[in-house]
């Protein structure tokens, strides 16, 4: 603690904070741009079928990242005599444990994104639907950065984790606030 009673941050904490801050800023800018600019011209649509189509499109990239996560772990286990029997029967090598962690985190992120993207696509104005697709791309990009940085420690993976997470969180917050405003008006 410093003289004023504040805890001094470690270099790792500063690195994580910077990655998180850049990811949050990126998510906010991308979502606002998608809402304001409607780059995919969804304002011209008006059918429930269009909403469901956008939802399906929004879920493709996050689901692909889950498939990649499962495939990476399965491939590693197949070629690892220590891990081929799976985590239920072995304690797992360091690499298998890391790949399992990446898979687990991706699954958790996908579950959150699935709920938020579904609510977004069904409840928000048509002109705002591009934001769901933008968040899908941010999810995909975030996972790539998270996968690449994971083995290098928290600061190296912070941006990727936060880009995946905050893009969904910001979308959810906009959704909740907008629904409250709609309900109160």
N, C-alpha and C. Protein backbone atom coordinates (compact mmCIF):
# COMPACT_ATOMS: atom_id res chain seq x y z
N UNK A 1 0.84 -1.17 0.00
CA UNK A 1 0.00 0.00 0.00
C UNK A 1 0.88 1.24 0.00
N UNK A 2 0.37 2.26 -0.71
CA UNK A 2 1.12 3.51 -0.72
C UNK A 2 0.70 4.37 0.47
N UNK A 3 1.22 5.59 0.55
CA UNK A 3 0.97 6.49 1.69
C UNK A 3 -0.50 6.86 1.83
N UNK A 4 -1.27 6.79 0.76
CA UNK A 4 -2.68 7.20 0.81
C UNK A 4 -3.61 6.01 1.03
N UNK A 5 -3.06 4.82 1.26
CA UNK A 5 -3.87 3.65 1.55
C UNK A 5 -4.30 2.86 0.33
N UNK A 6 -3.79 3.21 -0.85
CA UNK A 6 -4.14 2.49 -2.06
C UNK A 6 -3.11 1.39 -2.32
N UNK A 7 -3.58 0.27 -2.79
CA UNK A 7 -2.69 -0.83 -3.13
C UNK A 7 -1.99 -0.51 -4.45
N UNK A 8 -0.69 -0.68 -4.48
CA UNK A 8 0.04 -0.51 -5.72
C UNK A 8 -0.15 -1.75 -6.57
N UNK A 9 -0.37 -1.55 -7.86
CA UNK A 9 -0.60 -2.67 -8.77
C UNK A 9 0.73 -3.28 -9.21
N UNK A 10 0.73 -4.58 -9.36
CA UNK A 10 1.90 -5.26 -9.89
C UNK A 10 1.96 -5.00 -11.40
N UNK A 11 3.08 -5.33 -12.01
CA UNK A 11 3.20 -5.14 -13.46
C UNK A 11 2.21 -6.03 -14.20
N UNK A 12 1.93 -7.21 -13.66
CA UNK A 12 0.93 -8.08 -14.29
C UNK A 12 -0.45 -7.45 -14.22
N UNK A 13 -0.79 -6.88 -13.07
CA UNK A 13 -2.10 -6.24 -12.93
C UNK A 13 -2.24 -5.05 -13.88
N UNK A 14 -1.17 -4.29 -14.03
CA UNK A 14 -1.19 -3.16 -14.97
C UNK A 14 -1.38 -3.67 -16.39
N UNK A 15 -0.68 -4.75 -16.75
CA UNK A 15 -0.82 -5.34 -18.08
C UNK A 15 -2.23 -5.84 -18.33
N UNK A 16 -2.81 -6.49 -17.34
CA UNK A 16 -4.19 -6.98 -17.47
C UNK A 16 -5.14 -5.79 -17.60
N UNK A 17 -4.95 -4.78 -16.78
CA UNK A 17 -5.81 -3.60 -16.85
C UNK A 17 -5.76 -2.94 -18.22
N UNK A 18 -4.57 -2.80 -18.77
CA UNK A 18 -4.44 -2.19 -20.09
C UNK A 18 -5.16 -3.01 -21.16
N UNK A 19 -4.98 -4.33 -21.13
CA UNK A 19 -5.67 -5.20 -22.08
C UNK A 19 -7.18 -5.10 -21.94
N UNK A 20 -7.66 -5.08 -20.71
CA UNK A 20 -9.09 -4.97 -20.46
C UNK A 20 -9.63 -3.63 -20.93
N UNK A 21 -8.89 -2.57 -20.66
CA UNK A 21 -9.34 -1.23 -21.05
C UNK A 21 -9.43 -1.09 -22.57
N UNK A 22 -8.42 -1.60 -23.27
CA UNK A 22 -8.45 -1.54 -24.74
C UNK A 22 -9.60 -2.37 -25.30
N UNK A 23 -9.84 -3.50 -24.70
CA UNK A 23 -10.94 -4.36 -25.15
C UNK A 23 -12.29 -3.69 -24.89
N UNK A 24 -12.45 -3.10 -23.73
CA UNK A 24 -13.71 -2.41 -23.41
C UNK A 24 -13.94 -1.25 -24.38
N UNK A 25 -12.92 -0.46 -24.62
CA UNK A 25 -13.04 0.65 -25.56
C UNK A 25 -13.38 0.14 -26.96
N UNK A 26 -12.71 -0.91 -27.39
CA UNK A 26 -12.97 -1.50 -28.71
C UNK A 26 -14.41 -1.97 -28.82
N UNK A 27 -14.90 -2.64 -27.79
CA UNK A 27 -16.27 -3.15 -27.79
C UNK A 27 -17.28 -2.01 -27.85
N UNK A 28 -17.08 -1.00 -27.04
CA UNK A 28 -18.02 0.13 -27.02
C UNK A 28 -18.05 0.83 -28.37
N UNK A 29 -16.89 1.11 -28.92
CA UNK A 29 -16.83 1.80 -30.22
C UNK A 29 -17.47 0.96 -31.32
N UNK A 30 -17.16 -0.32 -31.35
CA UNK A 30 -17.70 -1.20 -32.40
C UNK A 30 -19.22 -1.32 -32.29
N UNK A 31 -19.73 -1.49 -31.08
CA UNK A 31 -21.17 -1.63 -30.90
C UNK A 31 -21.89 -0.33 -31.23
N UNK A 32 -21.38 0.79 -30.76
CA UNK A 32 -22.00 2.08 -31.08
C UNK A 32 -21.98 2.34 -32.58
N UNK A 33 -20.88 2.04 -33.23
CA UNK A 33 -20.79 2.23 -34.68
C UNK A 33 -21.81 1.35 -35.39
N UNK A 34 -21.97 0.11 -34.95
CA UNK A 34 -22.94 -0.79 -35.58
C UNK A 34 -24.37 -0.29 -35.39
N UNK A 35 -24.66 0.25 -34.21
CA UNK A 35 -26.00 0.76 -33.94
C UNK A 35 -26.27 2.02 -34.76
N UNK A 36 -25.34 2.94 -34.76
CA UNK A 36 -25.53 4.23 -35.44
C UNK A 36 -25.49 4.09 -36.96
N UNK A 37 -24.56 3.30 -37.45
CA UNK A 37 -24.34 3.22 -38.91
C UNK A 37 -25.16 2.14 -39.60
N UNK A 38 -25.63 1.13 -38.86
CA UNK A 38 -26.37 0.01 -39.45
C UNK A 38 -25.67 -0.47 -40.73
N UNK A 39 -24.41 -0.93 -40.60
CA UNK A 39 -23.62 -1.26 -41.79
C UNK A 39 -24.20 -2.37 -42.66
N UNK A 40 -25.03 -3.22 -42.09
CA UNK A 40 -25.61 -4.31 -42.87
C UNK A 40 -27.05 -4.00 -43.31
N UNK A 41 -27.45 -2.76 -43.09
CA UNK A 41 -28.73 -2.25 -43.59
C UNK A 41 -29.93 -3.07 -43.10
N UNK A 42 -29.94 -3.39 -41.83
CA UNK A 42 -31.05 -4.16 -41.26
C UNK A 42 -32.30 -3.31 -41.05
N UNK A 43 -32.18 -1.99 -41.12
CA UNK A 43 -33.36 -1.13 -40.96
C UNK A 43 -34.39 -1.41 -42.04
N UNK A 44 -33.95 -1.98 -43.16
CA UNK A 44 -34.85 -2.27 -44.28
C UNK A 44 -35.62 -3.58 -44.09
N UNK A 45 -35.31 -4.32 -43.04
CA UNK A 45 -35.99 -5.59 -42.80
C UNK A 45 -37.06 -5.40 -41.74
N UNK A 46 -38.03 -6.31 -41.73
CA UNK A 46 -39.10 -6.15 -40.75
C UNK A 46 -39.78 -7.47 -40.36
N UNK A 47 -39.21 -8.57 -40.73
CA UNK A 47 -39.85 -9.85 -40.46
C UNK A 47 -39.14 -10.60 -39.34
N UNK A 48 -39.89 -11.40 -38.61
CA UNK A 48 -39.30 -12.25 -37.58
C UNK A 48 -38.25 -13.17 -38.19
N UNK A 49 -38.50 -13.64 -39.41
CA UNK A 49 -37.54 -14.50 -40.10
C UNK A 49 -36.18 -13.82 -40.23
N UNK A 50 -36.20 -12.51 -40.48
CA UNK A 50 -34.95 -11.76 -40.61
C UNK A 50 -34.20 -11.74 -39.28
N UNK A 51 -34.93 -11.58 -38.19
CA UNK A 51 -34.30 -11.59 -36.86
C UNK A 51 -33.65 -12.94 -36.58
N UNK A 52 -34.36 -14.01 -36.90
CA UNK A 52 -33.84 -15.36 -36.66
C UNK A 52 -32.62 -15.63 -37.54
N UNK A 53 -32.66 -15.14 -38.77
CA UNK A 53 -31.50 -15.29 -39.66
C UNK A 53 -30.28 -14.59 -39.08
N UNK A 54 -30.46 -13.36 -38.60
CA UNK A 54 -29.34 -12.62 -38.00
C UNK A 54 -28.83 -13.35 -36.76
N UNK A 55 -29.74 -13.89 -35.97
CA UNK A 55 -29.32 -14.65 -34.79
C UNK A 55 -28.47 -15.84 -35.21
N UNK A 56 -28.94 -16.59 -36.20
CA UNK A 56 -28.16 -17.73 -36.68
C UNK A 56 -26.79 -17.32 -37.17
N UNK A 57 -26.74 -16.24 -37.92
CA UNK A 57 -25.46 -15.74 -38.42
C UNK A 57 -24.56 -15.31 -37.27
N UNK A 58 -25.15 -14.70 -36.24
CA UNK A 58 -24.37 -14.22 -35.10
C UNK A 58 -23.75 -15.36 -34.29
N UNK A 59 -24.36 -16.52 -34.33
CA UNK A 59 -23.87 -17.63 -33.53
C UNK A 59 -22.83 -18.50 -34.23
N UNK A 60 -22.64 -18.29 -35.52
CA UNK A 60 -21.72 -19.14 -36.28
C UNK A 60 -20.28 -19.03 -35.77
N UNK A 61 -19.74 -17.82 -35.69
CA UNK A 61 -18.33 -17.66 -35.30
C UNK A 61 -18.07 -18.08 -33.85
N UNK A 62 -18.92 -17.69 -32.89
CA UNK A 62 -18.67 -18.20 -31.53
C UNK A 62 -18.73 -19.72 -31.44
N UNK A 63 -19.68 -20.32 -32.15
CA UNK A 63 -19.78 -21.79 -32.14
C UNK A 63 -18.56 -22.41 -32.80
N UNK A 64 -18.07 -21.79 -33.86
CA UNK A 64 -16.86 -22.27 -34.51
C UNK A 64 -15.68 -22.28 -33.54
N UNK A 65 -15.59 -21.26 -32.70
CA UNK A 65 -14.49 -21.22 -31.73
C UNK A 65 -14.61 -22.32 -30.69
N UNK A 66 -15.83 -22.69 -30.34
CA UNK A 66 -16.01 -23.83 -29.44
C UNK A 66 -15.57 -25.12 -30.13
N UNK A 67 -15.93 -25.27 -31.39
CA UNK A 67 -15.52 -26.44 -32.16
C UNK A 67 -13.99 -26.51 -32.24
N UNK A 68 -13.36 -25.38 -32.50
CA UNK A 68 -11.89 -25.32 -32.56
C UNK A 68 -11.30 -25.73 -31.21
N UNK A 69 -11.88 -25.24 -30.13
CA UNK A 69 -11.38 -25.58 -28.79
C UNK A 69 -11.47 -27.07 -28.51
N UNK A 70 -12.60 -27.65 -28.85
CA UNK A 70 -12.77 -29.10 -28.66
C UNK A 70 -11.80 -29.87 -29.54
N UNK A 71 -11.67 -29.45 -30.79
CA UNK A 71 -10.78 -30.13 -31.73
C UNK A 71 -9.33 -30.07 -31.31
N UNK A 72 -8.90 -28.93 -30.79
CA UNK A 72 -7.50 -28.80 -30.35
C UNK A 72 -7.20 -29.76 -29.20
N UNK A 73 -8.12 -29.84 -28.23
CA UNK A 73 -7.91 -30.73 -27.10
C UNK A 73 -7.96 -32.20 -27.55
N UNK A 74 -8.92 -32.52 -28.40
CA UNK A 74 -9.05 -33.91 -28.88
C UNK A 74 -7.81 -34.33 -29.66
N UNK A 75 -7.32 -33.46 -30.52
CA UNK A 75 -6.12 -33.78 -31.30
C UNK A 75 -4.92 -33.99 -30.37
N UNK A 76 -4.77 -33.09 -29.40
CA UNK A 76 -3.65 -33.23 -28.48
C UNK A 76 -3.74 -34.55 -27.71
N UNK A 77 -4.93 -34.85 -27.19
CA UNK A 77 -5.09 -36.10 -26.43
C UNK A 77 -4.80 -37.33 -27.29
N UNK A 78 -5.22 -37.29 -28.53
CA UNK A 78 -5.00 -38.44 -29.41
C UNK A 78 -3.51 -38.75 -29.55
N UNK A 79 -2.69 -37.71 -29.64
CA UNK A 79 -1.26 -37.90 -29.85
C UNK A 79 -0.45 -37.90 -28.54
N UNK A 80 -1.12 -37.83 -27.40
CA UNK A 80 -0.43 -37.83 -26.12
C UNK A 80 -0.75 -39.11 -25.34
N UNK A 81 0.23 -40.01 -25.22
CA UNK A 81 -0.02 -41.26 -24.49
C UNK A 81 -0.50 -41.01 -23.05
N UNK A 82 -0.04 -39.92 -22.43
CA UNK A 82 -0.43 -39.61 -21.05
C UNK A 82 -1.87 -39.11 -20.96
N UNK A 83 -2.39 -38.56 -22.06
CA UNK A 83 -3.70 -37.90 -22.02
C UNK A 83 -4.78 -38.58 -22.85
N UNK A 84 -4.44 -39.62 -23.57
CA UNK A 84 -5.39 -40.20 -24.52
C UNK A 84 -6.65 -40.75 -23.83
N UNK A 85 -6.54 -41.15 -22.57
CA UNK A 85 -7.70 -41.69 -21.86
C UNK A 85 -8.65 -40.60 -21.35
N UNK A 86 -8.26 -39.34 -21.47
CA UNK A 86 -9.14 -38.24 -21.08
C UNK A 86 -8.95 -37.80 -19.64
N UNK A 87 -9.51 -36.64 -19.32
CA UNK A 87 -9.29 -36.05 -18.00
C UNK A 87 -9.99 -36.80 -16.88
N UNK A 88 -11.00 -37.59 -17.21
CA UNK A 88 -11.68 -38.37 -16.18
C UNK A 88 -10.86 -39.55 -15.68
N UNK A 89 -9.88 -39.97 -16.47
CA UNK A 89 -9.07 -41.13 -16.10
C UNK A 89 -7.61 -40.82 -15.85
N UNK A 90 -7.19 -39.60 -16.17
CA UNK A 90 -5.79 -39.20 -15.94
C UNK A 90 -5.77 -37.83 -15.28
N UNK A 91 -4.62 -37.49 -14.71
CA UNK A 91 -4.51 -36.17 -14.10
C UNK A 91 -4.23 -35.10 -15.15
N UNK A 92 -3.78 -35.49 -16.32
CA UNK A 92 -3.56 -34.56 -17.42
C UNK A 92 -2.19 -33.91 -17.39
N UNK A 93 -1.60 -33.80 -18.57
CA UNK A 93 -0.34 -33.08 -18.69
C UNK A 93 -0.62 -31.58 -18.66
N UNK A 94 0.43 -30.82 -18.53
CA UNK A 94 0.28 -29.35 -18.48
C UNK A 94 -0.43 -28.83 -19.74
N UNK A 95 -0.06 -29.35 -20.90
CA UNK A 95 -0.67 -28.91 -22.16
C UNK A 95 -2.16 -29.28 -22.22
N UNK A 96 -2.50 -30.49 -21.78
CA UNK A 96 -3.90 -30.91 -21.79
C UNK A 96 -4.73 -30.06 -20.84
N UNK A 97 -4.17 -29.75 -19.69
CA UNK A 97 -4.87 -28.90 -18.72
C UNK A 97 -5.08 -27.51 -19.30
N UNK A 98 -4.07 -26.96 -19.98
CA UNK A 98 -4.21 -25.65 -20.60
C UNK A 98 -5.30 -25.67 -21.67
N UNK A 99 -5.27 -26.66 -22.55
CA UNK A 99 -6.28 -26.76 -23.61
C UNK A 99 -7.68 -26.95 -23.03
N UNK A 100 -7.78 -27.70 -21.93
CA UNK A 100 -9.07 -27.87 -21.26
C UNK A 100 -9.55 -26.54 -20.69
N UNK A 101 -8.64 -25.74 -20.16
CA UNK A 101 -9.00 -24.42 -19.63
C UNK A 101 -9.51 -23.51 -20.75
N UNK A 102 -8.85 -23.55 -21.89
CA UNK A 102 -9.29 -22.75 -23.03
C UNK A 102 -10.68 -23.19 -23.49
N UNK A 103 -10.89 -24.48 -23.54
CA UNK A 103 -12.19 -25.02 -23.92
C UNK A 103 -13.26 -24.60 -22.92
N UNK A 104 -12.98 -24.75 -21.64
CA UNK A 104 -13.95 -24.41 -20.60
C UNK A 104 -14.32 -22.93 -20.67
N UNK A 105 -13.33 -22.07 -20.81
CA UNK A 105 -13.61 -20.64 -20.87
C UNK A 105 -14.40 -20.28 -22.13
N UNK A 106 -14.08 -20.91 -23.24
CA UNK A 106 -14.81 -20.65 -24.49
C UNK A 106 -16.26 -21.10 -24.35
N UNK A 107 -16.48 -22.24 -23.73
CA UNK A 107 -17.85 -22.71 -23.51
C UNK A 107 -18.62 -21.73 -22.62
N UNK A 108 -18.00 -21.28 -21.56
CA UNK A 108 -18.65 -20.32 -20.66
C UNK A 108 -19.01 -19.03 -21.41
N UNK A 109 -18.06 -18.54 -22.20
CA UNK A 109 -18.31 -17.31 -22.97
C UNK A 109 -19.42 -17.52 -23.99
N UNK A 110 -19.45 -18.69 -24.63
CA UNK A 110 -20.48 -18.98 -25.63
C UNK A 110 -21.86 -19.04 -25.00
N UNK A 111 -21.97 -19.62 -23.83
CA UNK A 111 -23.27 -19.69 -23.15
C UNK A 111 -23.80 -18.29 -22.88
N UNK A 112 -22.95 -17.40 -22.39
CA UNK A 112 -23.37 -16.03 -22.15
C UNK A 112 -23.76 -15.35 -23.46
N UNK A 113 -22.91 -15.49 -24.46
CA UNK A 113 -23.17 -14.86 -25.76
C UNK A 113 -24.46 -15.38 -26.38
N UNK A 114 -24.72 -16.67 -26.27
CA UNK A 114 -25.93 -17.25 -26.84
C UNK A 114 -27.18 -16.57 -26.28
N UNK A 115 -27.23 -16.42 -24.98
CA UNK A 115 -28.39 -15.77 -24.36
C UNK A 115 -28.52 -14.31 -24.75
N UNK A 116 -27.42 -13.59 -24.73
CA UNK A 116 -27.45 -12.16 -25.06
C UNK A 116 -27.77 -11.95 -26.54
N UNK A 117 -27.11 -12.70 -27.42
CA UNK A 117 -27.37 -12.55 -28.86
C UNK A 117 -28.82 -12.88 -29.19
N UNK A 118 -29.36 -13.90 -28.53
CA UNK A 118 -30.75 -14.28 -28.79
C UNK A 118 -31.69 -13.15 -28.37
N UNK A 119 -31.52 -12.65 -27.16
CA UNK A 119 -32.37 -11.55 -26.70
C UNK A 119 -32.20 -10.33 -27.60
N UNK A 120 -30.97 -10.01 -27.98
CA UNK A 120 -30.70 -8.85 -28.83
C UNK A 120 -31.44 -8.98 -30.17
N UNK A 121 -31.28 -10.12 -30.80
CA UNK A 121 -31.88 -10.31 -32.13
C UNK A 121 -33.40 -10.34 -32.10
N UNK A 122 -33.97 -10.75 -30.99
CA UNK A 122 -35.43 -10.82 -30.91
C UNK A 122 -36.08 -9.54 -30.40
N UNK A 123 -35.36 -8.73 -29.64
CA UNK A 123 -35.98 -7.60 -28.96
C UNK A 123 -35.59 -6.21 -29.46
N UNK A 124 -34.43 -6.10 -30.06
CA UNK A 124 -33.94 -4.76 -30.41
C UNK A 124 -34.48 -4.29 -31.75
N UNK A 125 -34.44 -2.97 -31.98
CA UNK A 125 -34.89 -2.45 -33.28
C UNK A 125 -34.10 -3.08 -34.43
N UNK A 126 -34.75 -3.26 -35.56
CA UNK A 126 -34.10 -3.90 -36.70
C UNK A 126 -32.81 -3.18 -37.09
N UNK A 127 -32.81 -1.86 -37.04
CA UNK A 127 -31.63 -1.09 -37.43
C UNK A 127 -30.43 -1.35 -36.53
N UNK A 128 -30.65 -1.95 -35.37
CA UNK A 128 -29.57 -2.22 -34.43
C UNK A 128 -29.03 -3.64 -34.53
N UNK A 129 -29.59 -4.46 -35.37
CA UNK A 129 -29.22 -5.88 -35.42
C UNK A 129 -27.77 -6.11 -35.83
N UNK A 130 -27.19 -5.19 -36.58
CA UNK A 130 -25.78 -5.35 -36.98
C UNK A 130 -24.86 -5.47 -35.78
N UNK A 131 -25.26 -4.90 -34.65
CA UNK A 131 -24.41 -4.95 -33.46
C UNK A 131 -24.20 -6.39 -32.99
N UNK A 132 -25.21 -7.23 -33.14
CA UNK A 132 -25.05 -8.64 -32.77
C UNK A 132 -24.01 -9.34 -33.63
N UNK A 133 -24.04 -9.04 -34.91
CA UNK A 133 -23.05 -9.63 -35.83
C UNK A 133 -21.65 -9.08 -35.55
N UNK A 134 -21.57 -7.81 -35.22
CA UNK A 134 -20.28 -7.20 -34.88
C UNK A 134 -19.71 -7.88 -33.63
N UNK A 135 -20.57 -8.12 -32.65
CA UNK A 135 -20.11 -8.80 -31.43
C UNK A 135 -19.66 -10.23 -31.71
N UNK A 136 -20.28 -10.87 -32.67
CA UNK A 136 -19.86 -12.20 -33.07
C UNK A 136 -18.43 -12.16 -33.61
N UNK A 137 -18.13 -11.17 -34.42
CA UNK A 137 -16.78 -11.01 -34.96
C UNK A 137 -15.80 -10.67 -33.83
N UNK A 138 -16.22 -9.81 -32.89
CA UNK A 138 -15.36 -9.48 -31.76
C UNK A 138 -15.10 -10.72 -30.90
N UNK A 139 -16.11 -11.55 -30.73
CA UNK A 139 -15.94 -12.82 -30.00
C UNK A 139 -14.86 -13.66 -30.66
N UNK A 140 -14.96 -13.81 -31.97
CA UNK A 140 -14.01 -14.61 -32.74
C UNK A 140 -12.59 -14.05 -32.61
N UNK A 141 -12.45 -12.76 -32.81
CA UNK A 141 -11.14 -12.12 -32.70
C UNK A 141 -10.60 -12.24 -31.27
N UNK A 142 -11.48 -12.01 -30.31
CA UNK A 142 -11.08 -12.13 -28.91
C UNK A 142 -10.57 -13.50 -28.56
N UNK A 143 -11.25 -14.53 -29.05
CA UNK A 143 -10.81 -15.90 -28.77
C UNK A 143 -9.43 -16.17 -29.38
N UNK A 144 -9.18 -15.66 -30.57
CA UNK A 144 -7.86 -15.86 -31.19
C UNK A 144 -6.78 -15.24 -30.32
N UNK A 145 -7.00 -13.99 -29.89
CA UNK A 145 -6.01 -13.34 -29.02
C UNK A 145 -5.87 -14.09 -27.69
N UNK A 146 -6.98 -14.58 -27.14
CA UNK A 146 -6.95 -15.33 -25.89
C UNK A 146 -6.16 -16.62 -26.05
N UNK A 147 -6.42 -17.36 -27.12
CA UNK A 147 -5.69 -18.61 -27.38
C UNK A 147 -4.20 -18.34 -27.53
N UNK A 148 -3.87 -17.32 -28.33
CA UNK A 148 -2.45 -17.02 -28.59
C UNK A 148 -1.72 -16.56 -27.33
N UNK A 149 -2.40 -15.80 -26.49
CA UNK A 149 -1.75 -15.22 -25.32
C UNK A 149 -1.79 -16.06 -24.07
N UNK A 150 -2.64 -17.07 -24.03
CA UNK A 150 -2.90 -17.80 -22.79
C UNK A 150 -1.63 -18.32 -22.13
N UNK A 151 -0.79 -18.98 -22.86
CA UNK A 151 0.40 -19.60 -22.27
C UNK A 151 1.45 -18.58 -21.84
N UNK A 152 1.26 -17.32 -22.20
CA UNK A 152 2.23 -16.26 -21.85
C UNK A 152 1.80 -15.48 -20.62
N UNK A 153 0.72 -15.88 -19.98
CA UNK A 153 0.30 -15.24 -18.73
C UNK A 153 -0.86 -14.27 -18.89
N UNK A 154 -1.30 -13.79 -17.76
CA UNK A 154 -2.50 -12.96 -17.69
C UNK A 154 -2.44 -11.69 -18.56
N UNK A 155 -1.37 -10.93 -18.54
CA UNK A 155 -1.37 -9.72 -19.38
C UNK A 155 -1.49 -10.04 -20.88
N UNK A 156 -0.90 -11.15 -21.29
CA UNK A 156 -0.92 -11.51 -22.72
C UNK A 156 -2.29 -12.00 -23.17
N UNK A 157 -3.07 -12.53 -22.27
CA UNK A 157 -4.39 -13.03 -22.66
C UNK A 157 -5.52 -12.08 -22.30
N UNK A 158 -5.23 -11.02 -21.57
CA UNK A 158 -6.27 -10.11 -21.05
C UNK A 158 -7.10 -9.49 -22.16
N UNK A 159 -6.46 -8.98 -23.20
CA UNK A 159 -7.20 -8.33 -24.27
C UNK A 159 -8.17 -9.32 -24.92
N UNK A 160 -7.70 -10.51 -25.22
CA UNK A 160 -8.55 -11.50 -25.87
C UNK A 160 -9.72 -11.92 -25.02
N UNK A 161 -9.45 -12.19 -23.73
CA UNK A 161 -10.54 -12.54 -22.83
C UNK A 161 -11.54 -11.40 -22.75
N UNK A 162 -11.03 -10.21 -22.52
CA UNK A 162 -11.91 -9.06 -22.31
C UNK A 162 -12.67 -8.67 -23.58
N UNK A 163 -12.07 -8.82 -24.74
CA UNK A 163 -12.79 -8.49 -25.98
C UNK A 163 -13.97 -9.44 -26.16
N UNK A 164 -13.76 -10.71 -25.87
CA UNK A 164 -14.85 -11.68 -25.94
C UNK A 164 -15.92 -11.35 -24.91
N UNK A 165 -15.51 -11.12 -23.69
CA UNK A 165 -16.44 -10.91 -22.58
C UNK A 165 -17.13 -9.54 -22.66
N UNK A 166 -16.35 -8.48 -22.80
CA UNK A 166 -16.94 -7.14 -22.75
C UNK A 166 -17.84 -6.84 -23.94
N UNK A 167 -17.55 -7.41 -25.10
CA UNK A 167 -18.45 -7.16 -26.22
C UNK A 167 -19.84 -7.73 -25.90
N UNK A 168 -19.89 -8.87 -25.24
CA UNK A 168 -21.17 -9.45 -24.84
C UNK A 168 -21.79 -8.66 -23.69
N UNK A 169 -20.98 -8.25 -22.73
CA UNK A 169 -21.48 -7.50 -21.58
C UNK A 169 -22.05 -6.15 -22.02
N UNK A 170 -21.32 -5.43 -22.87
CA UNK A 170 -21.80 -4.13 -23.34
C UNK A 170 -23.10 -4.31 -24.11
N UNK A 171 -23.15 -5.31 -24.97
CA UNK A 171 -24.39 -5.59 -25.71
C UNK A 171 -25.54 -5.87 -24.74
N UNK A 172 -25.27 -6.62 -23.69
CA UNK A 172 -26.29 -6.95 -22.69
C UNK A 172 -26.73 -5.70 -21.94
N UNK A 173 -25.79 -4.85 -21.57
CA UNK A 173 -26.15 -3.63 -20.85
C UNK A 173 -27.01 -2.71 -21.70
N UNK A 174 -26.65 -2.55 -22.98
CA UNK A 174 -27.45 -1.74 -23.89
C UNK A 174 -28.86 -2.35 -24.02
N UNK A 175 -28.91 -3.65 -24.11
CA UNK A 175 -30.18 -4.37 -24.21
C UNK A 175 -31.05 -4.11 -22.98
N UNK A 176 -30.48 -4.27 -21.80
CA UNK A 176 -31.23 -4.09 -20.55
C UNK A 176 -31.72 -2.65 -20.41
N UNK A 177 -30.83 -1.68 -20.63
CA UNK A 177 -31.21 -0.28 -20.51
C UNK A 177 -32.29 0.06 -21.53
N UNK A 178 -32.13 -0.37 -22.75
CA UNK A 178 -33.10 -0.07 -23.79
C UNK A 178 -34.46 -0.70 -23.46
N UNK A 179 -34.45 -1.92 -22.98
CA UNK A 179 -35.71 -2.57 -22.63
C UNK A 179 -36.39 -1.88 -21.45
N UNK A 180 -35.61 -1.39 -20.49
CA UNK A 180 -36.18 -0.62 -19.38
C UNK A 180 -36.79 0.69 -19.88
N UNK A 181 -36.09 1.35 -20.77
CA UNK A 181 -36.61 2.61 -21.34
C UNK A 181 -37.89 2.34 -22.11
N UNK A 182 -37.89 1.30 -22.93
CA UNK A 182 -39.11 0.93 -23.68
C UNK A 182 -40.26 0.61 -22.74
N UNK A 183 -39.96 -0.12 -21.66
CA UNK A 183 -41.00 -0.53 -20.72
C UNK A 183 -41.59 0.67 -19.96
N UNK A 184 -40.73 1.65 -19.69
CA UNK A 184 -41.18 2.82 -18.92
C UNK A 184 -41.81 3.91 -19.78
N UNK A 185 -41.71 3.78 -21.09
CA UNK A 185 -42.26 4.84 -21.95
C UNK A 185 -43.63 4.47 -22.51
